[in-house]
Amino acid sequence: MTTMNMTPPMSAAEYLFAPRKDHRGWSTPSEAARIFFILAMIVSGWWSWQLAEGNVIVFLCLLMLISTPLLSVGWWLISLISSNYEPKVLTESVNNVDKSKKLPLHSFRKP
């Protein structure tokens, strides 16, 4: 009989705001940050397109102008909330990574 490493279920807030660790131990954005990026880009894109009146260059400039501060402030607020949660693994397979393997030569970032 095999025993599986079962983790207790997460609450919705923990699922959304807990930072994620990848296979190298680096922090990656939380689910809330990923969802916020998609929503912010859709809303910024829609609003920019309305203001640009079909001009693609103006649309791209407005999109960058609007989305940059919106994303910065939103991600900052999400990081404040995320600091109250313990990091979780990105996927369960991260627990199965062989830690004895060496990192590639081009990997200079520290975990």
PDB file of N, CA and C in Angstrom:
ATOM      1  N   MET A   1       0.849  -1.180   0.000  1.00  0.00           N
ATOM      2  CA  MET A   1       0.000   0.000   0.000  1.00  0.00           C
ATOM      3  C   MET A   1       0.891   1.237   0.000  1.00  0.00           C
ATOM      4  N   THR A   2       0.654   2.125  -0.878  1.00  0.00           N
ATOM      5  CA  THR A   2       1.443   3.358  -0.971  1.00  0.00           C
ATOM      6  C   THR A   2       0.729   4.499  -0.272  1.00  0.00           C
ATOM      7  N   THR A   3       1.522   5.290   0.407  1.00  0.00           N
ATOM      8  CA  THR A   3       0.940   6.467   1.050  1.00  0.00           C
ATOM      9  C   THR A   3       1.300   7.687   0.232  1.00  0.00           C
ATOM     10  N   MET A   4       0.352   8.517   0.010  1.00  0.00           N
ATOM     11  CA  MET A   4       0.574   9.731  -0.778  1.00  0.00           C
ATOM     12  C   MET A   4       0.758  10.902   0.173  1.00  0.00           C
ATOM     13  N   ASN A   5       1.589  11.822  -0.242  1.00  0.00           N
ATOM     14  CA  ASN A   5       1.822  13.030   0.551  1.00  0.00           C
ATOM     15  C   ASN A   5       0.669  13.994   0.293  1.00  0.00           C
ATOM     16  N   MET A   6      -0.334  13.923   1.119  1.00  0.00           N
ATOM     17  CA  MET A   6      -1.516  14.759   0.943  1.00  0.00           C
ATOM     18  C   MET A   6      -1.363  16.031   1.769  1.00  0.00           C
ATOM     19  N   THR A   7      -1.585  17.159   1.147  1.00  0.00           N
ATOM     20  CA  THR A   7      -1.537  18.426   1.861  1.00  0.00           C
ATOM     21  C   THR A   7      -2.964  18.851   2.171  1.00  0.00           C
ATOM     22  N   PRO A   8      -3.163  19.534   3.281  1.00  0.00           N
ATOM     23  CA  PRO A   8      -4.524  19.961   3.610  1.00  0.00           C
ATOM     24  C   PRO A   8      -5.030  20.976   2.583  1.00  0.00           C
ATOM     25  N   PRO A   9      -6.327  21.012   2.350  1.00  0.00           N
ATOM     26  CA  PRO A   9      -6.874  21.944   1.365  1.00  0.00           C
ATOM     27  C   PRO A   9      -6.664  23.398   1.788  1.00  0.00           C
ATOM     28  N   MET A  10      -6.484  24.246   0.786  1.00  0.00           N
ATOM     29  CA  MET A  10      -6.263  25.676   1.035  1.00  0.00           C
ATOM     30  C   MET A  10      -7.593  26.413   1.021  1.00  0.00           C
ATOM     31  N   SER A  11      -7.628  27.505   1.774  1.00  0.00           N
ATOM     32  CA  SER A  11      -8.792  28.388   1.683  1.00  0.00           C
ATOM     33  C   SER A  11      -8.682  29.170   0.380  1.00  0.00           C
ATOM     34  N   ALA A  12      -9.757  29.818  -0.015  1.00  0.00           N
ATOM     35  CA  ALA A  12      -9.752  30.594  -1.257  1.00  0.00           C
ATOM     36  C   ALA A  12      -8.735  31.735  -1.181  1.00  0.00           C
ATOM     37  N   ALA A  13      -8.670  32.423  -0.039  1.00  0.00           N
ATOM     38  CA  ALA A  13      -7.721  33.526   0.120  1.00  0.00           C
ATOM     39  C   ALA A  13      -6.288  33.021   0.066  1.00  0.00           C
ATOM     40  N   GLU A  14      -6.038  31.878   0.691  1.00  0.00           N
ATOM     41  CA  GLU A  14      -4.689  31.308   0.676  1.00  0.00           C
ATOM     42  C   GLU A  14      -4.319  30.880  -0.734  1.00  0.00           C
ATOM     43  N   TYR A  15      -5.255  30.288  -1.466  1.00  0.00           N
ATOM     44  CA  TYR A  15      -5.006  29.888  -2.849  1.00  0.00           C
ATOM     45  C   TYR A  15      -4.654  31.100  -3.712  1.00  0.00           C
ATOM     46  N   LEU A  16      -5.383  32.201  -3.526  1.00  0.00           N
ATOM     47  CA  LEU A  16      -5.153  33.378  -4.355  1.00  0.00           C
ATOM     48  C   LEU A  16      -3.891  34.144  -3.978  1.00  0.00           C
ATOM     49  N   PHE A  17      -3.622  34.293  -2.689  1.00  0.00           N
ATOM     50  CA  PHE A  17      -2.575  35.220  -2.262  1.00  0.00           C
ATOM     51  C   PHE A  17      -1.264  34.587  -1.817  1.00  0.00           C
ATOM     52  N   ALA A  18      -1.217  33.287  -1.598  1.00  0.00           N
ATOM     53  CA  ALA A  18       0.037  32.667  -1.165  1.00  0.00           C
ATOM     54  C   ALA A  18       1.061  32.729  -2.293  1.00  0.00           C
ATOM     55  N   PRO A  19       2.277  33.231  -1.996  1.00  0.00           N
ATOM     56  CA  PRO A  19       3.328  33.235  -3.025  1.00  0.00           C
ATOM     57  C   PRO A  19       3.634  31.807  -3.466  1.00  0.00           C
ATOM     58  N   ARG A  20       4.108  31.640  -4.683  1.00  0.00           N
ATOM     59  CA  ARG A  20       4.416  30.319  -5.219  1.00  0.00           C
ATOM     60  C   ARG A  20       5.925  30.154  -5.347  1.00  0.00           C
ATOM     61  N   LYS A  21       6.401  28.951  -5.037  1.00  0.00           N
ATOM     62  CA  LYS A  21       7.810  28.602  -5.213  1.00  0.00           C
ATOM     63  C   LYS A  21       7.919  27.644  -6.387  1.00  0.00           C
ATOM     64  N   ASP A  22       8.887  27.911  -7.293  1.00  0.00           N
ATOM     65  CA  ASP A  22       9.076  27.016  -8.423  1.00  0.00           C
ATOM     66  C   ASP A  22      10.093  25.932  -8.075  1.00  0.00           C
ATOM     67  N   HIS A  23      10.508  25.136  -9.046  1.00  0.00           N
ATOM     68  CA  HIS A  23      11.392  23.999  -8.806  1.00  0.00           C
ATOM     69  C   HIS A  23      12.782  24.409  -8.340  1.00  0.00           C
ATOM     70  N   ARG A  24      13.162  25.670  -8.540  1.00  0.00           N
ATOM     71  CA  ARG A  24      14.463  26.155  -8.077  1.00  0.00           C
ATOM     72  C   ARG A  24      14.368  26.862  -6.731  1.00  0.00           C
ATOM     73  N   GLY A  25      13.162  26.998  -6.217  1.00  0.00           N
ATOM     74  CA  GLY A  25      12.982  27.682  -4.943  1.00  0.00           C
ATOM     75  C   GLY A  25      12.753  29.179  -5.093  1.00  0.00           C
ATOM     76  N   TRP A  26      12.634  29.651  -6.322  1.00  0.00           N
ATOM     77  CA  TRP A  26      12.413  31.079  -6.565  1.00  0.00           C
ATOM     78  C   TRP A  26      10.940  31.405  -6.380  1.00  0.00           C
ATOM     79  N   SER A  27      10.670  32.584  -5.884  1.00  0.00           N
ATOM     80  CA  SER A  27       9.290  33.028  -5.725  1.00  0.00           C
ATOM     81  C   SER A  27       8.727  33.453  -7.072  1.00  0.00           C
ATOM     82  N   THR A  28       7.513  33.034  -7.329  1.00  0.00           N
ATOM     83  CA  THR A  28       6.800  33.454  -8.533  1.00  0.00           C
ATOM     84  C   THR A  28       5.503  34.121  -8.096  1.00  0.00           C
ATOM     85  N   PRO A  29       4.850  34.858  -8.983  1.00  0.00           N
ATOM     86  CA  PRO A  29       3.635  35.575  -8.578  1.00  0.00           C
ATOM     87  C   PRO A  29       2.528  34.659  -8.081  1.00  0.00           C
ATOM     88  N   SER A  30       1.722  35.210  -7.194  1.00  0.00           N
ATOM     89  CA  SER A  30       0.571  34.462  -6.679  1.00  0.00           C
ATOM     90  C   SER A  30      -0.507  34.399  -7.753  1.00  0.00           C
ATOM     91  N   GLU A  31      -1.498  33.560  -7.501  1.00  0.00           N
ATOM     92  CA  GLU A  31      -2.615  33.451  -8.445  1.00  0.00           C
ATOM     93  C   GLU A  31      -3.353  34.783  -8.577  1.00  0.00           C
ATOM     94  N   ALA A  32      -3.478  35.525  -7.479  1.00  0.00           N
ATOM     95  CA  ALA A  32      -4.163  36.819  -7.525  1.00  0.00           C
ATOM     96  C   ALA A  32      -3.412  37.783  -8.437  1.00  0.00           C
ATOM     97  N   ALA A  33      -2.075  37.765  -8.393  1.00  0.00           N
ATOM     98  CA  ALA A  33      -1.285  38.646  -9.249  1.00  0.00           C
ATOM     99  C   ALA A  33      -1.450  38.268 -10.719  1.00  0.00           C
ATOM    100  N   ARG A  34      -1.526  36.984 -10.992  1.00  0.00           N
ATOM    101  CA  ARG A  34      -1.719  36.530 -12.380  1.00  0.00           C
ATOM    102  C   ARG A  34      -3.098  36.930 -12.910  1.00  0.00           C
ATOM    103  N   ILE A  35      -4.122  36.744 -12.076  1.00  0.00           N
ATOM    104  CA  ILE A  35      -5.482  37.114 -12.480  1.00  0.00           C
ATOM    105  C   ILE A  35      -5.582  38.630 -12.638  1.00  0.00           C
ATOM    106  N   PHE A  36      -4.958  39.379 -11.716  1.00  0.00           N
ATOM    107  CA  PHE A  36      -4.992  40.832 -11.796  1.00  0.00           C
ATOM    108  C   PHE A  36      -4.331  41.324 -13.084  1.00  0.00           C
ATOM    109  N   PHE A  37      -3.228  40.695 -13.500  1.00  0.00           N
ATOM    110  CA  PHE A  37      -2.560  41.086 -14.738  1.00  0.00           C
ATOM    111  C   PHE A  37      -3.505  40.960 -15.934  1.00  0.00           C
ATOM    112  N   ILE A  38      -4.169  39.821 -16.031  1.00  0.00           N
ATOM    113  CA  ILE A  38      -5.081  39.600 -17.162  1.00  0.00           C
ATOM    114  C   ILE A  38      -6.225  40.609 -17.143  1.00  0.00           C
ATOM    115  N   LEU A  39      -6.847  40.798 -15.980  1.00  0.00           N
ATOM    116  CA  LEU A  39      -7.966  41.750 -15.892  1.00  0.00           C
ATOM    117  C   LEU A  39      -7.519  43.185 -16.159  1.00  0.00           C
ATOM    118  N   ALA A  40      -6.370  43.573 -15.613  1.00  0.00           N
ATOM    119  CA  ALA A  40      -5.875  44.939 -15.817  1.00  0.00           C
ATOM    120  C   ALA A  40      -5.552  45.195 -17.283  1.00  0.00           C
ATOM    121  N   MET A  41      -4.984  44.215 -17.958  1.00  0.00           N
ATOM    122  CA  MET A  41      -4.659  44.403 -19.372  1.00  0.00           C
ATOM    123  C   MET A  41      -5.921  44.453 -20.236  1.00  0.00           C
ATOM    124  N   ILE A  42      -6.918  43.654 -19.891  1.00  0.00           N
ATOM    125  CA  ILE A  42      -8.177  43.697 -20.655  1.00  0.00           C
ATOM    126  C   ILE A  42      -8.867  45.040 -20.477  1.00  0.00           C
ATOM    127  N   VAL A  43      -8.999  45.495 -19.233  1.00  0.00           N
ATOM    128  CA  VAL A  43      -9.667  46.777 -18.965  1.00  0.00           C
ATOM    129  C   VAL A  43      -8.874  47.930 -19.551  1.00  0.00           C
ATOM    130  N   SER A  44      -7.554  47.925 -19.367  1.00  0.00           N
ATOM    131  CA  SER A  44      -6.717  48.991 -19.926  1.00  0.00           C
ATOM    132  C   SER A  44      -6.779  48.993 -21.446  1.00  0.00           C
ATOM    133  N   GLY A  45      -6.769  47.796 -22.030  1.00  0.00           N
ATOM    134  CA  GLY A  45      -6.850  47.693 -23.489  1.00  0.00           C
ATOM    135  C   GLY A  45      -8.164  48.196 -24.032  1.00  0.00           C
ATOM    136  N   TRP A  46      -9.256  47.823 -23.359  1.00  0.00           N
ATOM    137  CA  TRP A  46     -10.572  48.281 -23.808  1.00  0.00           C
ATOM    138  C   TRP A  46     -10.682  49.808 -23.718  1.00  0.00           C
ATOM    139  N   TRP A  47     -10.258  50.365 -22.583  1.00  0.00           N
ATOM    140  CA  TRP A  47     -10.340  51.810 -22.397  1.00  0.00           C
ATOM    141  C   TRP A  47      -9.405  52.549 -23.367  1.00  0.00           C
ATOM    142  N   SER A  48      -8.200  52.018 -23.561  1.00  0.00           N
ATOM    143  CA  SER A  48      -7.251  52.641 -24.493  1.00  0.00           C
ATOM    144  C   SER A  48      -7.785  52.621 -25.919  1.00  0.00           C
ATOM    145  N   TRP A  49      -8.422  51.525 -26.313  1.00  0.00           N
ATOM    146  CA  TRP A  49      -8.949  51.425 -27.674  1.00  0.00           C
ATOM    147  C   TRP A  49     -10.065  52.450 -27.901  1.00  0.00           C
ATOM    148  N   GLN A  50     -10.889  52.666 -26.864  1.00  0.00           N
ATOM    149  CA  GLN A  50     -11.954  53.669 -26.974  1.00  0.00           C
ATOM    150  C   GLN A  50     -11.363  55.064 -27.151  1.00  0.00           C
ATOM    151  N   LEU A  51     -10.313  55.367 -26.399  1.00  0.00           N
ATOM    152  CA  LEU A  51      -9.686  56.686 -26.493  1.00  0.00           C
ATOM    153  C   LEU A  51      -8.900  56.874 -27.784  1.00  0.00           C
ATOM    154  N   ALA A  52      -8.310  55.787 -28.308  1.00  0.00           N
ATOM    155  CA  ALA A  52      -7.455  55.874 -29.490  1.00  0.00           C
ATOM    156  C   ALA A  52      -8.252  56.012 -30.786  1.00  0.00           C
ATOM    157  N   GLU A  53      -9.527  55.681 -30.755  1.00  0.00           N
ATOM    158  CA  GLU A  53     -10.406  55.777 -31.922  1.00  0.00           C
ATOM    159  C   GLU A  53      -9.838  55.049 -33.136  1.00  0.00           C
ATOM    160  N   GLY A  54      -9.290  53.852 -32.920  1.00  0.00           N
ATOM    161  CA  GLY A  54      -8.820  53.032 -34.026  1.00  0.00           C
ATOM    162  C   GLY A  54      -7.366  53.231 -34.412  1.00  0.00           C
ATOM    163  N   ASN A  55      -6.681  54.205 -33.857  1.00  0.00           N
ATOM    164  CA  ASN A  55      -5.273  54.430 -34.172  1.00  0.00           C
ATOM    165  C   ASN A  55      -4.423  53.471 -33.329  1.00  0.00           C
ATOM    166  N   VAL A  56      -3.748  52.537 -34.006  1.00  0.00           N
ATOM    167  CA  VAL A  56      -3.029  51.474 -33.312  1.00  0.00           C
ATOM    168  C   VAL A  56      -1.851  52.015 -32.503  1.00  0.00           C
ATOM    169  N   ILE A  57      -1.109  52.963 -33.055  1.00  0.00           N
ATOM    170  CA  ILE A  57       0.053  53.508 -32.345  1.00  0.00           C
ATOM    171  C   ILE A  57      -0.393  54.232 -31.074  1.00  0.00           C
ATOM    172  N   VAL A  58      -1.441  55.027 -31.173  1.00  0.00           N
ATOM    173  CA  VAL A  58      -1.966  55.729 -30.005  1.00  0.00           C
ATOM    174  C   VAL A  58      -2.491  54.710 -28.996  1.00  0.00           C
ATOM    175  N   PHE A  59      -3.150  53.660 -29.486  1.00  0.00           N
ATOM    176  CA  PHE A  59      -3.649  52.603 -28.607  1.00  0.00           C
ATOM    177  C   PHE A  59      -2.524  51.971 -27.804  1.00  0.00           C
ATOM    178  N   LEU A  60      -1.431  51.594 -28.473  1.00  0.00           N
ATOM    179  CA  LEU A  60      -0.309  50.956 -27.781  1.00  0.00           C
ATOM    180  C   LEU A  60       0.331  51.894 -26.763  1.00  0.00           C
ATOM    181  N   CYS A  61       0.472  53.167 -27.119  1.00  0.00           N
ATOM    182  CA  CYS A  61       1.035  54.151 -26.183  1.00  0.00           C
ATOM    183  C   CYS A  61       0.130  54.331 -24.964  1.00  0.00           C
ATOM    184  N   LEU A  62      -1.157  54.458 -25.199  1.00  0.00           N
ATOM    185  CA  LEU A  62      -2.101  54.601 -24.083  1.00  0.00           C
ATOM    186  C   LEU A  62      -2.146  53.342 -23.224  1.00  0.00           C
ATOM    187  N   LEU A  63      -2.093  52.189 -23.862  1.00  0.00           N
ATOM    188  CA  LEU A  63      -2.100  50.933 -23.117  1.00  0.00           C
ATOM    189  C   LEU A  63      -0.918  50.870 -22.150  1.00  0.00           C
ATOM    190  N   MET A  64       0.256  51.229 -22.635  1.00  0.00           N
ATOM    191  CA  MET A  64       1.441  51.223 -21.766  1.00  0.00           C
ATOM    192  C   MET A  64       1.332  52.290 -20.683  1.00  0.00           C
ATOM    193  N   LEU A  65       0.846  53.466 -21.045  1.00  0.00           N
ATOM    194  CA  LEU A  65       0.730  54.575 -20.107  1.00  0.00           C
ATOM    195  C   LEU A  65      -0.272  54.259 -18.987  1.00  0.00           C
ATOM    196  N   ILE A  66      -1.359  53.611 -19.319  1.00  0.00           N
ATOM    197  CA  ILE A  66      -2.401  53.304 -18.328  1.00  0.00           C
ATOM    198  C   ILE A  66      -2.066  52.054 -17.520  1.00  0.00           C
ATOM    199  N   SER A  67      -1.596  51.006 -18.197  1.00  0.00           N
ATOM    200  CA  SER A  67      -1.396  49.733 -17.505  1.00  0.00           C
ATOM    201  C   SER A  67      -0.186  49.731 -16.580  1.00  0.00           C
ATOM    202  N   THR A  68       0.854  50.495 -16.893  1.00  0.00           N
ATOM    203  CA  THR A  68       2.063  50.462 -16.060  1.00  0.00           C
ATOM    204  C   THR A  68       1.794  50.902 -14.614  1.00  0.00           C
ATOM    205  N   PRO A  69       1.227  52.081 -14.371  1.00  0.00           N
ATOM    206  CA  PRO A  69       0.968  52.432 -12.968  1.00  0.00           C
ATOM    207  C   PRO A  69      -0.136  51.580 -12.345  1.00  0.00           C
ATOM    208  N   LEU A  70      -1.119  51.175 -13.139  1.00  0.00           N
ATOM    209  CA  LEU A  70      -2.191  50.333 -12.620  1.00  0.00           C
ATOM    210  C   LEU A  70      -1.636  49.000 -12.113  1.00  0.00           C
ATOM    211  N   LEU A  71      -0.779  48.366 -12.912  1.00  0.00           N
ATOM    212  CA  LEU A  71      -0.183  47.101 -12.506  1.00  0.00           C
ATOM    213  C   LEU A  71       0.770  47.280 -11.330  1.00  0.00           C
ATOM    214  N   SER A  72       1.546  48.353 -11.331  1.00  0.00           N
ATOM    215  CA  SER A  72       2.494  48.576 -10.231  1.00  0.00           C
ATOM    216  C   SER A  72       1.778  48.720  -8.898  1.00  0.00           C
ATOM    217  N   VAL A  73       0.748  49.539  -8.862  1.00  0.00           N
ATOM    218  CA  VAL A  73       0.002  49.746  -7.617  1.00  0.00           C
ATOM    219  C   VAL A  73      -0.749  48.470  -7.216  1.00  0.00           C
ATOM    220  N   GLY A  74      -1.367  47.806  -8.173  1.00  0.00           N
ATOM    221  CA  GLY A  74      -2.104  46.578  -7.884  1.00  0.00           C
ATOM    222  C   GLY A  74      -1.201  45.475  -7.361  1.00  0.00           C
ATOM    223  N   TRP A  75      -0.051  45.276  -7.993  1.00  0.00           N
ATOM    224  CA  TRP A  75       0.878  44.241  -7.543  1.00  0.00           C
ATOM    225  C   TRP A  75       1.465  44.581  -6.180  1.00  0.00           C
ATOM    226  N   TRP A  76       1.679  45.856  -5.908  1.00  0.00           N
ATOM    227  CA  TRP A  76       2.179  46.267  -4.596  1.00  0.00           C
ATOM    228  C   TRP A  76       1.150  45.918  -3.517  1.00  0.00           C
ATOM    229  N   LEU A  77      -0.122  46.239  -3.784  1.00  0.00           N
ATOM    230  CA  LEU A  77      -1.179  45.921  -2.818  1.00  0.00           C
ATOM    231  C   LEU A  77      -1.311  44.405  -2.623  1.00  0.00           C
ATOM    232  N   ILE A  78      -1.222  43.650  -3.709  1.00  0.00           N
ATOM    233  CA  ILE A  78      -1.294  42.193  -3.610  1.00  0.00           C
ATOM    234  C   ILE A  78      -0.113  41.657  -2.812  1.00  0.00           C
ATOM    235  N   SER A  79       1.069  42.250  -2.995  1.00  0.00           N
ATOM    236  CA  SER A  79       2.243  41.776  -2.239  1.00  0.00           C
ATOM    237  C   SER A  79       2.089  42.049  -0.749  1.00  0.00           C
ATOM    238  N   LEU A  80       1.429  43.152  -0.385  1.00  0.00           N
ATOM    239  CA  LEU A  80       1.178  43.423   1.028  1.00  0.00           C
ATOM    240  C   LEU A  80       0.273  42.352   1.638  1.00  0.00           C
ATOM    241  N   ILE A  81      -0.737  41.955   0.902  1.00  0.00           N
ATOM    242  CA  ILE A  81      -1.640  40.906   1.378  1.00  0.00           C
ATOM    243  C   ILE A  81      -0.915  39.559   1.387  1.00  0.00           C
ATOM    244  N   SER A  82      -0.120  39.287   0.356  1.00  0.00           N
ATOM    245  CA  SER A  82       0.573  37.999   0.238  1.00  0.00           C
ATOM    246  C   SER A  82       1.619  37.781   1.313  1.00  0.00           C
ATOM    247  N   SER A  83       2.117  38.853   1.897  1.00  0.00           N
ATOM    248  CA  SER A  83       3.147  38.700   2.925  1.00  0.00           C
ATOM    249  C   SER A  83       2.606  38.013   4.183  1.00  0.00           C
ATOM    250  N   ASN A  84       1.298  37.911   4.313  1.00  0.00           N
ATOM    251  CA  ASN A  84       0.685  37.242   5.463  1.00  0.00           C
ATOM    252  C   ASN A  84       0.524  35.743   5.263  1.00  0.00           C
ATOM    253  N   TYR A  85       0.911  35.212   4.100  1.00  0.00           N
ATOM    254  CA  TYR A  85       0.724  33.801   3.794  1.00  0.00           C
ATOM    255  C   TYR A  85       2.065  33.116   3.563  1.00  0.00           C
ATOM    256  N   GLU A  86       2.125  31.859   3.952  1.00  0.00           N
ATOM    257  CA  GLU A  86       3.317  31.044   3.713  1.00  0.00           C
ATOM    258  C   GLU A  86       3.379  30.689   2.230  1.00  0.00           C
ATOM    259  N   PRO A  87       4.588  30.680   1.646  1.00  0.00           N
ATOM    260  CA  PRO A  87       4.718  30.281   0.232  1.00  0.00           C
ATOM    261  C   PRO A  87       4.272  28.841   0.011  1.00  0.00           C
ATOM    262  N   LYS A  88       3.666  28.598  -1.119  1.00  0.00           N
ATOM    263  CA  LYS A  88       3.230  27.265  -1.529  1.00  0.00           C
ATOM    264  C   LYS A  88       3.982  26.889  -2.797  1.00  0.00           C
ATOM    265  N   VAL A  89       4.042  25.581  -3.079  1.00  0.00           N
ATOM    266  CA  VAL A  89       4.716  25.149  -4.300  1.00  0.00           C
ATOM    267  C   VAL A  89       3.834  25.465  -5.507  1.00  0.00           C
ATOM    268  N   LEU A  90       4.490  25.739  -6.629  1.00  0.00           N
ATOM    269  CA  LEU A  90       3.771  26.087  -7.850  1.00  0.00           C
ATOM    270  C   LEU A  90       2.896  24.922  -8.311  1.00  0.00           C
ATOM    271  N   THR A  91       3.461  23.735  -8.355  1.00  0.00           N
ATOM    272  CA  THR A  91       2.720  22.512  -8.646  1.00  0.00           C
ATOM    273  C   THR A  91       3.242  21.422  -7.716  1.00  0.00           C
ATOM    274  N   GLU A  92       2.476  20.373  -7.525  1.00  0.00           N
ATOM    275  CA  GLU A  92       2.894  19.289  -6.634  1.00  0.00           C
ATOM    276  C   GLU A  92       4.153  18.596  -7.132  1.00  0.00           C
ATOM    277  N   SER A  93       4.407  18.623  -8.453  1.00  0.00           N
ATOM    278  CA  SER A  93       5.600  17.961  -8.981  1.00  0.00           C
ATOM    279  C   SER A  93       6.883  18.650  -8.525  1.00  0.00           C
ATOM    280  N   VAL A  94       6.791  19.887  -8.045  1.00  0.00           N
ATOM    281  CA  VAL A  94       7.961  20.589  -7.528  1.00  0.00           C
ATOM    282  C   VAL A  94       8.538  19.831  -6.332  1.00  0.00           C
ATOM    283  N   ASN A  95       7.698  19.168  -5.557  1.00  0.00           N
ATOM    284  CA  ASN A  95       8.168  18.388  -4.413  1.00  0.00           C
ATOM    285  C   ASN A  95       8.983  17.175  -4.833  1.00  0.00           C
ATOM    286  N   ASN A  96       8.844  16.745  -6.084  1.00  0.00           N
ATOM    287  CA  ASN A  96       9.534  15.550  -6.572  1.00  0.00           C
ATOM    288  C   ASN A  96      10.853  15.858  -7.270  1.00  0.00           C
ATOM    289  N   VAL A  97      11.260  17.128  -7.342  1.00  0.00           N
ATOM    290  CA  VAL A  97      12.485  17.510  -8.041  1.00  0.00           C
ATOM    291  C   VAL A  97      13.683  17.011  -7.245  1.00  0.00           C
ATOM    292  N   ASP A  98      14.642  16.438  -7.949  1.00  0.00           N
ATOM    293  CA  ASP A  98      15.865  15.952  -7.316  1.00  0.00           C
ATOM    294  C   ASP A  98      16.761  17.147  -6.997  1.00  0.00           C
ATOM    295  N   LYS A  99      16.899  17.459  -5.714  1.00  0.00           N
ATOM    296  CA  LYS A  99      17.667  18.634  -5.281  1.00  0.00           C
ATOM    297  C   LYS A  99      19.165  18.439  -5.459  1.00  0.00           C
ATOM    298  N   SER A 100      19.628  17.207  -5.686  1.00  0.00           N
ATOM    299  CA  SER A 100      21.062  16.962  -5.808  1.00  0.00           C
ATOM    300  C   SER A 100      21.596  17.351  -7.183  1.00  0.00           C
ATOM    301  N   LYS A 101      20.729  17.558  -8.155  1.00  0.00           N
ATOM    302  CA  LYS A 101      21.177  17.946  -9.486  1.00  0.00           C
ATOM    303  C   LYS A 101      21.736  19.355  -9.453  1.00  0.00           C
ATOM    304  N   LYS A 102      22.778  19.564 -10.230  1.00  0.00           N
ATOM    305  CA  LYS A 102      23.398  20.879 -10.278  1.00  0.00           C
ATOM    306  C   LYS A 102      22.566  21.814 -11.155  1.00  0.00           C
ATOM    307  N   LEU A 103      22.656  23.103 -10.836  1.00  0.00           N
ATOM    308  CA  LEU A 103      21.980  24.100 -11.661  1.00  0.00           C
ATOM    309  C   LEU A 103      22.785  24.325 -12.936  1.00  0.00           C
ATOM    310  N   PRO A 104      22.145  24.723 -14.024  1.00  0.00           N
ATOM    311  CA  PRO A 104      22.880  25.028 -15.250  1.00  0.00           C
ATOM    312  C   PRO A 104      23.888  26.146 -15.016  1.00  0.00           C
ATOM    313  N   LEU A 105      24.922  26.176 -15.846  1.00  0.00           N
ATOM    314  CA  LEU A 105      25.977  27.177 -15.705  1.00  0.00           C
ATOM    315  C   LEU A 105      25.460  28.602 -15.859  1.00  0.00           C
ATOM    316  N   HIS A 106      24.441  28.806 -16.673  1.00  0.00           N
ATOM    317  CA  HIS A 106      23.924  30.144 -16.923  1.00  0.00           C
ATOM    318  C   HIS A 106      22.991  30.630 -15.814  1.00  0.00           C
ATOM    319  N   SER A 107      22.782  29.836 -14.781  1.00  0.00           N
ATOM    320  CA  SER A 107      21.887  30.212 -13.716  1.00  0.00           C
ATOM    321  C   SER A 107      22.686  30.916 -12.612  1.00  0.00           C
ATOM    322  N   PHE A 108      22.613  32.246 -12.593  1.00  0.00           N
ATOM    323  CA  PHE A 108      23.369  33.034 -11.629  1.00  0.00           C
ATOM    324  C   PHE A 108      22.526  33.564 -10.487  1.00  0.00           C
ATOM    325  N   ARG A 109      21.216  33.457 -10.595  1.00  0.00           N
ATOM    326  CA  ARG A 109      20.334  33.970  -9.543  1.00  0.00           C
ATOM    327  C   ARG A 109      20.361  33.039  -8.354  1.00  0.00           C
ATOM    328  N   LYS A 110      20.345  33.634  -7.189  1.00  0.00           N
ATOM    329  CA  LYS A 110      20.287  32.844  -5.979  1.00  0.00           C
ATOM    330  C   LYS A 110      18.831  32.632  -5.592  1.00  0.00           C
ATOM    331  N   PRO A 111      18.482  31.438  -5.123  1.00  0.00           N
ATOM    332  CA  PRO A 111      17.077  31.200  -4.733  1.00  0.00           C
ATOM    333  C   PRO A 111      16.700  31.962  -3.497  1.00  0.00           C
TER     334      PRO A 111
END
